Amino acid sequence: MRSALILFLGILAFSASVGAKGADQAFFSSEPLLLRGLAEYKSLSFAESHQVAEQMQAPLEGAEKGRVSTLKAVGLSVLLPGSGHWYLGSRNRAKLFFGIEATGWTSFAGFLWYSNLREKDYQNYAVVHAGADPAGKEEQFWRSLTFYENRDEYNKIGRVTNLANPFYPETPFYNWQWDLPESMQAYREMRNSSKTAHRRAIFTLALLGVERLVAAADAYRLAKRINSKASSGELEVYFEPSASGGRLVLARSF
């Protein structure tokens, strides 16, 4: 009965201290740095006082309300930027990263689609205007059509400037001949637009990777700040022995 009464007094006094401002710690008594004053247990033995301390400490241990997992926030941000901030309760930042992510992947898909479309266009154009055979051709072949009017010109000039370039045998498989210089120029422009779109797709993919690093770093910082604020309001209950029996102290940091 006496233990329950002391516990009640401690809780009542703690509730009154929540509104205290300007001190790092407040005491139930007149001491300025802690919430002190559950009782000066003059009539309690050491064992009885310690029992009361355990009763007060039990509901407080492990009850770190408001704390978040930094690792989870970072992991979610790497998987999907914005999801880590959503987990942390930062809805506006989460929506911002969601928007960037959606825009990035949409742009990547768009650039890749356009690159492939223009690749088919310039290959089909070369078939019609240069008589090229598209079957089994590598990138080097299509690049050669950009600078040389026909296969013979490539073999005479192209391989002189760069011996690493392949030699094309005089067979229909490697033959091409542009009908007009304007056709060759149009082919070059279509091919350049395809390559430009492909480079932009790769660049967008790199930006999405950078976005994940930024989101993870920001989520880490936000999680640490949330946990720091949660830790500033933690409670501490401990027993101080005294000659008359003991003193129970309830401390709360601000």
C-alpha atoms as a PDB file:
ATOM      1  CA  MET A   1       0.000   0.000   0.000  1.00  0.00           C
ATOM      2  CA  ARG A   2       2.776   2.399   0.918  1.00  0.00           C
ATOM      3  CA  SER A   3       4.678   1.505  -2.272  1.00  0.00           C
ATOM      4  CA  ALA A   4       1.611   2.182  -4.377  1.00  0.00           C
ATOM      5  CA  LEU A   5       1.110   5.543  -2.673  1.00  0.00           C
ATOM      6  CA  ILE A   6       4.697   6.563  -3.323  1.00  0.00           C
ATOM      7  CA  LEU A   7       4.403   5.457  -6.943  1.00  0.00           C
ATOM      8  CA  PHE A   8       1.263   7.574  -7.310  1.00  0.00           C
ATOM      9  CA  LEU A   9       2.989  10.608  -5.829  1.00  0.00           C
ATOM     10  CA  GLY A  10       5.905  10.147  -8.194  1.00  0.00           C
ATOM     11  CA  ILE A  11       3.687   9.999 -11.268  1.00  0.00           C
ATOM     12  CA  LEU A  12       1.680  13.001 -10.093  1.00  0.00           C
ATOM     13  CA  ALA A  13       4.815  15.015  -9.532  1.00  0.00           C
ATOM     14  CA  PHE A  14       6.231  13.998 -12.921  1.00  0.00           C
ATOM     15  CA  SER A  15       3.062  15.139 -14.674  1.00  0.00           C
ATOM     16  CA  ALA A  16       3.372  18.517 -13.008  1.00  0.00           C
ATOM     17  CA  SER A  17       6.943  18.797 -14.235  1.00  0.00           C
ATOM     18  CA  VAL A  18       6.208  18.273 -17.932  1.00  0.00           C
ATOM     19  CA  GLY A  19       5.423  21.958 -18.344  1.00  0.00           C
ATOM     20  CA  ALA A  20       8.733  23.044 -16.865  1.00  0.00           C
ATOM     21  CA  LYS A  21      10.821  25.159 -19.268  1.00  0.00           C
ATOM     22  CA  GLY A  22      14.331  26.539 -19.424  1.00  0.00           C
ATOM     23  CA  ALA A  23      16.055  23.868 -17.349  1.00  0.00           C
ATOM     24  CA  ASP A  24      17.996  20.863 -18.555  1.00  0.00           C
ATOM     25  CA  GLN A  25      16.405  18.792 -15.810  1.00  0.00           C
ATOM     26  CA  ALA A  26      13.756  19.623 -13.180  1.00  0.00           C
ATOM     27  CA  PHE A  27      13.359  18.232  -9.652  1.00  0.00           C
ATOM     28  CA  PHE A  28      10.284  17.612  -7.531  1.00  0.00           C
ATOM     29  CA  SER A  29      12.002  19.398  -4.681  1.00  0.00           C
ATOM     30  CA  SER A  30      13.541  22.877  -4.741  1.00  0.00           C
ATOM     31  CA  GLU A  31      16.743  21.533  -6.326  1.00  0.00           C
ATOM     32  CA  PRO A  32      16.980  23.185  -9.748  1.00  0.00           C
ATOM     33  CA  LEU A  33      18.394  20.398 -11.949  1.00  0.00           C
ATOM     34  CA  LEU A  34      16.213  17.289 -11.398  1.00  0.00           C
ATOM     35  CA  LEU A  35      12.627  16.246 -10.759  1.00  0.00           C
ATOM     36  CA  ARG A  36      13.102  15.075  -7.229  1.00  0.00           C
ATOM     37  CA  GLY A  37      10.688  14.462  -4.391  1.00  0.00           C
ATOM     38  CA  LEU A  38       8.862  11.221  -4.629  1.00  0.00           C
ATOM     39  CA  ALA A  39       9.775  10.752  -0.985  1.00  0.00           C
ATOM     40  CA  GLU A  40      12.575  10.943   1.544  1.00  0.00           C
ATOM     41  CA  TYR A  41      12.015   7.351   2.567  1.00  0.00           C
ATOM     42  CA  LYS A  42      12.738   7.749   6.258  1.00  0.00           C
ATOM     43  CA  SER A  43      10.420   4.921   7.186  1.00  0.00           C
ATOM     44  CA  LEU A  44      11.309   2.562   4.332  1.00  0.00           C
ATOM     45  CA  SER A  45      14.056   0.016   4.390  1.00  0.00           C
ATOM     46  CA  PHE A  46      16.611  -0.201   1.606  1.00  0.00           C
ATOM     47  CA  ALA A  47      14.885  -3.269   0.121  1.00  0.00           C
ATOM     48  CA  GLU A  48      11.459  -1.582   0.156  1.00  0.00           C
ATOM     49  CA  SER A  49      12.813   1.549  -1.490  1.00  0.00           C
ATOM     50  CA  HIS A  50      14.576  -0.492  -4.158  1.00  0.00           C
ATOM     51  CA  GLN A  51      11.334  -2.361  -4.866  1.00  0.00           C
ATOM     52  CA  VAL A  52       9.526   0.919  -5.492  1.00  0.00           C
ATOM     53  CA  ALA A  53      12.321   2.013  -7.851  1.00  0.00           C
ATOM     54  CA  GLU A  54      11.913  -1.169  -9.879  1.00  0.00           C
ATOM     55  CA  GLN A  55       8.150  -0.606 -10.084  1.00  0.00           C
ATOM     56  CA  MET A  56       8.710   2.889 -11.484  1.00  0.00           C
ATOM     57  CA  GLN A  57      11.448   1.859 -13.894  1.00  0.00           C
ATOM     58  CA  ALA A  58       9.627  -1.107 -15.451  1.00  0.00           C
ATOM     59  CA  PRO A  59       7.107   0.753 -17.591  1.00  0.00           C
ATOM     60  CA  LEU A  60       9.751   3.209 -18.780  1.00  0.00           C
ATOM     61  CA  GLU A  61      12.439   0.808 -19.964  1.00  0.00           C
ATOM     62  CA  GLY A  62      12.308   0.136 -23.697  1.00  0.00           C
ATOM     63  CA  ALA A  63       9.534   2.636 -24.255  1.00  0.00           C
ATOM     64  CA  GLU A  64      11.474   4.998 -26.481  1.00  0.00           C
ATOM     65  CA  LYS A  65       8.525   6.530 -28.231  1.00  0.00           C
ATOM     66  CA  GLY A  66       9.113   8.458 -31.436  1.00  0.00           C
ATOM     67  CA  ARG A  67      12.348   6.697 -32.366  1.00  0.00           C
ATOM     68  CA  VAL A  68      12.858   5.442 -35.928  1.00  0.00           C
ATOM     69  CA  SER A  69      15.186   3.006 -37.666  1.00  0.00           C
ATOM     70  CA  THR A  70      17.940   4.874 -39.476  1.00  0.00           C
ATOM     71  CA  LEU A  71      18.946   1.749 -41.396  1.00  0.00           C
ATOM     72  CA  LYS A  72      15.383   1.168 -42.578  1.00  0.00           C
ATOM     73  CA  ALA A  73      14.997   4.775 -43.697  1.00  0.00           C
ATOM     74  CA  VAL A  74      18.238   4.625 -45.691  1.00  0.00           C
ATOM     75  CA  GLY A  75      17.427   1.224 -47.195  1.00  0.00           C
ATOM     76  CA  LEU A  76      13.988   2.322 -48.325  1.00  0.00           C
ATOM     77  CA  SER A  77      15.459   5.468 -49.868  1.00  0.00           C
ATOM     78  CA  VAL A  78      17.928   3.424 -51.901  1.00  0.00           C
ATOM     79  CA  LEU A  79      15.209   1.076 -53.152  1.00  0.00           C
ATOM     80  CA  LEU A  80      12.705   3.842 -53.888  1.00  0.00           C
ATOM     81  CA  PRO A  81      13.643   7.463 -53.175  1.00  0.00           C
ATOM     82  CA  GLY A  82      10.896   9.029 -51.105  1.00  0.00           C
ATOM     83  CA  SER A  83       9.782   5.848 -49.354  1.00  0.00           C
ATOM     84  CA  GLY A  84      12.309   6.423 -46.571  1.00  0.00           C
ATOM     85  CA  HIS A  85      10.963   9.932 -45.995  1.00  0.00           C
ATOM     86  CA  TRP A  86       7.406   8.589 -46.054  1.00  0.00           C
ATOM     87  CA  TYR A  87       8.392   6.119 -43.328  1.00  0.00           C
ATOM     88  CA  LEU A  88       9.866   9.004 -41.316  1.00  0.00           C
ATOM     89  CA  GLY A  89       6.658  10.990 -41.668  1.00  0.00           C
ATOM     90  CA  SER A  90       8.084  13.661 -43.987  1.00  0.00           C
ATOM     91  CA  ARG A  91       5.295  13.554 -46.562  1.00  0.00           C
ATOM     92  CA  ASN A  92       6.299  16.645 -48.549  1.00  0.00           C
ATOM     93  CA  ARG A  93       9.869  15.469 -49.068  1.00  0.00           C
ATOM     94  CA  ALA A  94       8.605  12.004 -49.927  1.00  0.00           C
ATOM     95  CA  LYS A  95       6.321  13.410 -52.620  1.00  0.00           C
ATOM     96  CA  LEU A  96       9.203  15.463 -54.007  1.00  0.00           C
ATOM     97  CA  PHE A  97      11.420  12.399 -54.387  1.00  0.00           C
ATOM     98  CA  PHE A  98       8.516  10.345 -55.755  1.00  0.00           C
ATOM     99  CA  GLY A  99       8.007  13.015 -58.396  1.00  0.00           C
ATOM    100  CA  ILE A 100      11.691  13.073 -59.330  1.00  0.00           C
ATOM    101  CA  GLU A 101      11.750   9.280 -59.517  1.00  0.00           C
ATOM    102  CA  ALA A 102       8.676   9.101 -61.735  1.00  0.00           C
ATOM    103  CA  THR A 103       9.990  11.846 -64.007  1.00  0.00           C
ATOM    104  CA  GLY A 104      13.398  10.203 -64.237  1.00  0.00           C
ATOM    105  CA  TRP A 105      12.133   6.766 -65.226  1.00  0.00           C
ATOM    106  CA  THR A 106       9.632   8.253 -67.652  1.00  0.00           C
ATOM    107  CA  SER A 107      12.417  10.262 -69.282  1.00  0.00           C
ATOM    108  CA  PHE A 108      14.703   7.225 -69.403  1.00  0.00           C
ATOM    109  CA  ALA A 109      12.040   5.103 -71.084  1.00  0.00           C
ATOM    110  CA  GLY A 110      11.198   7.922 -73.493  1.00  0.00           C
ATOM    111  CA  PHE A 111      14.801   8.509 -74.544  1.00  0.00           C
ATOM    112  CA  LEU A 112      15.420   4.782 -74.975  1.00  0.00           C
ATOM    113  CA  TRP A 113      12.260   4.344 -77.033  1.00  0.00           C
ATOM    114  CA  TYR A 114      13.139   7.272 -79.282  1.00  0.00           C
ATOM    115  CA  SER A 115      16.712   6.028 -79.709  1.00  0.00           C
ATOM    116  CA  ASN A 116      15.507   2.604 -80.835  1.00  0.00           C
ATOM    117  CA  LEU A 117      12.914   4.176 -83.121  1.00  0.00           C
ATOM    118  CA  ARG A 118      15.471   6.373 -84.871  1.00  0.00           C
ATOM    119  CA  GLU A 119      17.866   3.431 -85.131  1.00  0.00           C
ATOM    120  CA  LYS A 120      15.296   1.481 -87.119  1.00  0.00           C
ATOM    121  CA  ASP A 121      14.608   4.580 -89.197  1.00  0.00           C
ATOM    122  CA  TYR A 122      18.209   5.163 -90.264  1.00  0.00           C
ATOM    123  CA  GLN A 123      18.793   1.476 -90.961  1.00  0.00           C
ATOM    124  CA  ASN A 124      15.695   1.266 -93.151  1.00  0.00           C
ATOM    125  CA  TYR A 125      16.725   4.507 -94.835  1.00  0.00           C
ATOM    126  CA  ALA A 126      20.149   3.027 -95.658  1.00  0.00           C
ATOM    127  CA  VAL A 127      18.481  -0.018 -97.190  1.00  0.00           C
ATOM    128  CA  VAL A 128      16.414   2.178 -99.517  1.00  0.00           C
ATOM    129  CA  HIS A 129      18.974   4.879-100.417  1.00  0.00           C
ATOM    130  CA  ALA A 130      22.285   2.987-100.187  1.00  0.00           C
ATOM    131  CA  GLY A 131      21.269  -0.608-100.914  1.00  0.00           C
ATOM    132  CA  ALA A 132      22.704  -1.795 -97.579  1.00  0.00           C
ATOM    133  CA  ASP A 133      21.926  -5.282 -96.306  1.00  0.00           C
ATOM    134  CA  PRO A 134      20.902  -4.908 -92.599  1.00  0.00           C
ATOM    135  CA  ALA A 135      21.224  -8.598 -91.703  1.00  0.00           C
ATOM    136  CA  GLY A 136      23.908  -9.375 -89.127  1.00  0.00           C
ATOM    137  CA  LYS A 137      25.521  -5.949 -89.203  1.00  0.00           C
ATOM    138  CA  GLU A 138      27.441  -4.558 -86.234  1.00  0.00           C
ATOM    139  CA  GLU A 139      27.657  -0.960 -85.045  1.00  0.00           C
ATOM    140  CA  GLN A 140      30.877  -0.354 -87.002  1.00  0.00           C
ATOM    141  CA  PHE A 141      29.129  -1.035 -90.314  1.00  0.00           C
ATOM    142  CA  TRP A 142      26.371   1.502 -89.672  1.00  0.00           C
ATOM    143  CA  ARG A 143      28.915   4.051 -88.522  1.00  0.00           C
ATOM    144  CA  SER A 144      30.886   3.587 -91.752  1.00  0.00           C
ATOM    145  CA  LEU A 145      27.836   4.557 -93.794  1.00  0.00           C
ATOM    146  CA  THR A 146      27.834   7.895 -91.975  1.00  0.00           C
ATOM    147  CA  PHE A 147      31.197   9.024 -93.427  1.00  0.00           C
ATOM    148  CA  TYR A 148      31.835   7.059 -96.627  1.00  0.00           C
ATOM    149  CA  GLU A 149      29.888   7.063 -99.855  1.00  0.00           C
ATOM    150  CA  ASN A 150      30.491   3.372-100.568  1.00  0.00           C
ATOM    151  CA  ARG A 151      32.383   0.301 -99.436  1.00  0.00           C
ATOM    152  CA  ASP A 152      35.400   0.880-101.700  1.00  0.00           C
ATOM    153  CA  GLU A 153      35.913   4.396-100.380  1.00  0.00           C
ATOM    154  CA  TYR A 154      35.798   3.044 -96.843  1.00  0.00           C
ATOM    155  CA  ASN A 155      38.346   0.279 -97.564  1.00  0.00           C
ATOM    156  CA  LYS A 156      40.735   2.775 -99.212  1.00  0.00           C
ATOM    157  CA  ILE A 157      40.405   5.688 -96.793  1.00  0.00           C
ATOM    158  CA  GLY A 158      38.715   4.494 -93.629  1.00  0.00           C
ATOM    159  CA  ARG A 159      41.210   1.752 -92.892  1.00  0.00           C
ATOM    160  CA  VAL A 160      44.160   4.003 -93.651  1.00  0.00           C
ATOM    161  CA  THR A 161      43.173   6.449 -90.944  1.00  0.00           C
ATOM    162  CA  ASN A 162      42.488   3.619 -88.508  1.00  0.00           C
ATOM    163  CA  LEU A 163      43.946   0.172 -89.144  1.00  0.00           C
ATOM    164  CA  ALA A 164      41.769  -1.267 -86.407  1.00  0.00           C
ATOM    165  CA  ASN A 165      38.706  -0.808 -88.618  1.00  0.00           C
ATOM    166  CA  PRO A 166      37.562  -4.055 -90.258  1.00  0.00           C
ATOM    167  CA  PHE A 167      38.076  -4.720 -93.950  1.00  0.00           C
ATOM    168  CA  TYR A 168      34.860  -5.289 -95.890  1.00  0.00           C
ATOM    169  CA  PRO A 169      35.154  -7.956 -98.629  1.00  0.00           C
ATOM    170  CA  GLU A 170      33.779  -7.195-102.068  1.00  0.00           C
ATOM    171  CA  THR A 171      30.582  -9.134-101.601  1.00  0.00           C
ATOM    172  CA  PRO A 172      26.928  -8.021-101.718  1.00  0.00           C
ATOM    173  CA  PHE A 173      26.728  -8.618 -97.959  1.00  0.00           C
ATOM    174  CA  TYR A 174      28.988  -5.612 -97.238  1.00  0.00           C
ATOM    175  CA  ASN A 175      28.099  -3.478-100.226  1.00  0.00           C
ATOM    176  CA  TRP A 176      26.525  -0.004-100.110  1.00  0.00           C
ATOM    177  CA  GLN A 177      26.378   2.998-102.413  1.00  0.00           C
ATOM    178  CA  TRP A 178      24.604   6.233-101.528  1.00  0.00           C
ATOM    179  CA  ASP A 179      22.351   7.517-104.288  1.00  0.00           C
ATOM    180  CA  LEU A 180      22.765  11.197-103.336  1.00  0.00           C
ATOM    181  CA  PRO A 181      24.966  13.215-100.966  1.00  0.00           C
ATOM    182  CA  GLU A 182      21.747  14.582 -99.455  1.00  0.00           C
ATOM    183  CA  SER A 183      20.658  11.030 -98.610  1.00  0.00           C
ATOM    184  CA  MET A 184      23.921  10.431 -96.810  1.00  0.00           C
ATOM    185  CA  GLN A 185      23.438  13.668 -94.860  1.00  0.00           C
ATOM    186  CA  ALA A 186      19.882  12.715 -93.900  1.00  0.00           C
ATOM    187  CA  TYR A 187      21.160   9.308 -92.725  1.00  0.00           C
ATOM    188  CA  ARG A 188      23.801  11.012 -90.597  1.00  0.00           C
ATOM    189  CA  GLU A 189      21.219  13.242 -88.945  1.00  0.00           C
ATOM    190  CA  MET A 190      18.902  10.331 -88.141  1.00  0.00           C
ATOM    191  CA  ARG A 191      21.776   8.331 -86.713  1.00  0.00           C
ATOM    192  CA  ASN A 192      23.014  11.277 -84.645  1.00  0.00           C
ATOM    193  CA  SER A 193      19.539  11.823 -83.186  1.00  0.00           C
ATOM    194  CA  SER A 194      19.401   8.145 -82.209  1.00  0.00           C
ATOM    195  CA  LYS A 195      22.796   8.296 -80.515  1.00  0.00           C
ATOM    196  CA  THR A 196      21.943  11.551 -78.747  1.00  0.00           C
ATOM    197  CA  ALA A 197      18.753  10.048 -77.320  1.00  0.00           C
ATOM    198  CA  HIS A 198      20.696   6.973 -76.182  1.00  0.00           C
ATOM    199  CA  ARG A 199      23.283   9.124 -74.388  1.00  0.00           C
ATOM    200  CA  ARG A 200      20.515  11.051 -72.688  1.00  0.00           C
ATOM    201  CA  ALA A 201      18.946   7.797 -71.516  1.00  0.00           C
ATOM    202  CA  ILE A 202      22.253   6.720 -69.955  1.00  0.00           C
ATOM    203  CA  PHE A 203      22.687  10.152 -68.373  1.00  0.00           C
ATOM    204  CA  THR A 204      19.163   9.990 -66.922  1.00  0.00           C
ATOM    205  CA  LEU A 205      19.951   6.568 -65.460  1.00  0.00           C
ATOM    206  CA  ALA A 206      23.048   8.022 -63.817  1.00  0.00           C
ATOM    207  CA  LEU A 207      20.964  10.857 -62.357  1.00  0.00           C
ATOM    208  CA  LEU A 208      18.564   8.307 -60.879  1.00  0.00           C
ATOM    209  CA  GLY A 209      21.544   6.717 -59.152  1.00  0.00           C
ATOM    210  CA  VAL A 210      22.654  10.082 -57.782  1.00  0.00           C
ATOM    211  CA  GLU A 211      19.095  10.738 -56.625  1.00  0.00           C
ATOM    212  CA  ARG A 212      19.255   7.579 -54.514  1.00  0.00           C
ATOM    213  CA  LEU A 213      22.424   8.757 -52.825  1.00  0.00           C
ATOM    214  CA  VAL A 214      20.890  12.157 -52.101  1.00  0.00           C
ATOM    215  CA  ALA A 215      17.650  10.630 -50.796  1.00  0.00           C
ATOM    216  CA  ALA A 216      19.531   8.149 -48.598  1.00  0.00           C
ATOM    217  CA  ALA A 217      21.765  10.882 -47.149  1.00  0.00           C
ATOM    218  CA  ASP A 218      18.798  13.151 -46.466  1.00  0.00           C
ATOM    219  CA  ALA A 219      16.793  10.317 -44.891  1.00  0.00           C
ATOM    220  CA  TYR A 220      19.776   9.448 -42.684  1.00  0.00           C
ATOM    221  CA  ARG A 221      20.072  13.050 -41.510  1.00  0.00           C
ATOM    222  CA  LEU A 222      16.331  13.305 -40.876  1.00  0.00           C
ATOM    223  CA  ALA A 223      16.228  10.007 -38.968  1.00  0.00           C
ATOM    224  CA  LYS A 224      19.127  11.082 -36.751  1.00  0.00           C
ATOM    225  CA  ARG A 225      17.369  14.359 -36.010  1.00  0.00           C
ATOM    226  CA  ILE A 226      14.120  12.583 -35.129  1.00  0.00           C
ATOM    227  CA  ASN A 227      15.932  10.179 -32.811  1.00  0.00           C
ATOM    228  CA  SER A 228      17.840  13.054 -31.230  1.00  0.00           C
ATOM    229  CA  LYS A 229      14.590  14.826 -30.405  1.00  0.00           C
ATOM    230  CA  ALA A 230      13.088  11.603 -29.059  1.00  0.00           C
ATOM    231  CA  SER A 231      16.119  11.014 -26.830  1.00  0.00           C
ATOM    232  CA  SER A 232      15.896  14.513 -25.348  1.00  0.00           C
ATOM    233  CA  GLY A 233      12.644  13.610 -23.624  1.00  0.00           C
ATOM    234  CA  GLU A 234      13.684  10.277 -22.089  1.00  0.00           C
ATOM    235  CA  LEU A 235      13.007   9.541 -18.427  1.00  0.00           C
ATOM    236  CA  GLU A 236      15.329   8.142 -15.815  1.00  0.00           C
ATOM    237  CA  VAL A 237      14.318   6.583 -12.517  1.00  0.00           C
ATOM    238  CA  TYR A 238      16.937   5.517 -10.013  1.00  0.00           C
ATOM    239  CA  PHE A 239      17.397   4.884  -6.290  1.00  0.00           C
ATOM    240  CA  GLU A 240      19.744   6.804  -4.022  1.00  0.00           C
ATOM    241  CA  PRO A 241      20.481   5.114  -0.714  1.00  0.00           C
ATOM    242  CA  SER A 242      20.542   7.295   2.383  1.00  0.00           C
ATOM    243  CA  ALA A 243      21.135   6.790   6.057  1.00  0.00           C
ATOM    244  CA  SER A 244      17.407   6.754   6.756  1.00  0.00           C
ATOM    245  CA  GLY A 245      16.555   4.230   4.040  1.00  0.00           C
ATOM    246  CA  GLY A 246      16.752   5.725   0.590  1.00  0.00           C
ATOM    247  CA  ARG A 247      15.673   8.343  -1.890  1.00  0.00           C
ATOM    248  CA  LEU A 248      13.860   7.635  -5.183  1.00  0.00           C
ATOM    249  CA  VAL A 249      14.665  10.043  -8.019  1.00  0.00           C
ATOM    250  CA  LEU A 250      12.685  10.577 -11.223  1.00  0.00           C
ATOM    251  CA  ALA A 251      14.574  12.638 -13.826  1.00  0.00           C
ATOM    252  CA  ARG A 252      13.439  13.904 -17.195  1.00  0.00           C
ATOM    253  CA  SER A 253      15.686  15.724 -19.686  1.00  0.00           C
ATOM    254  CA  PHE A 254      14.449  18.662 -21.730  1.00  0.00           C
END
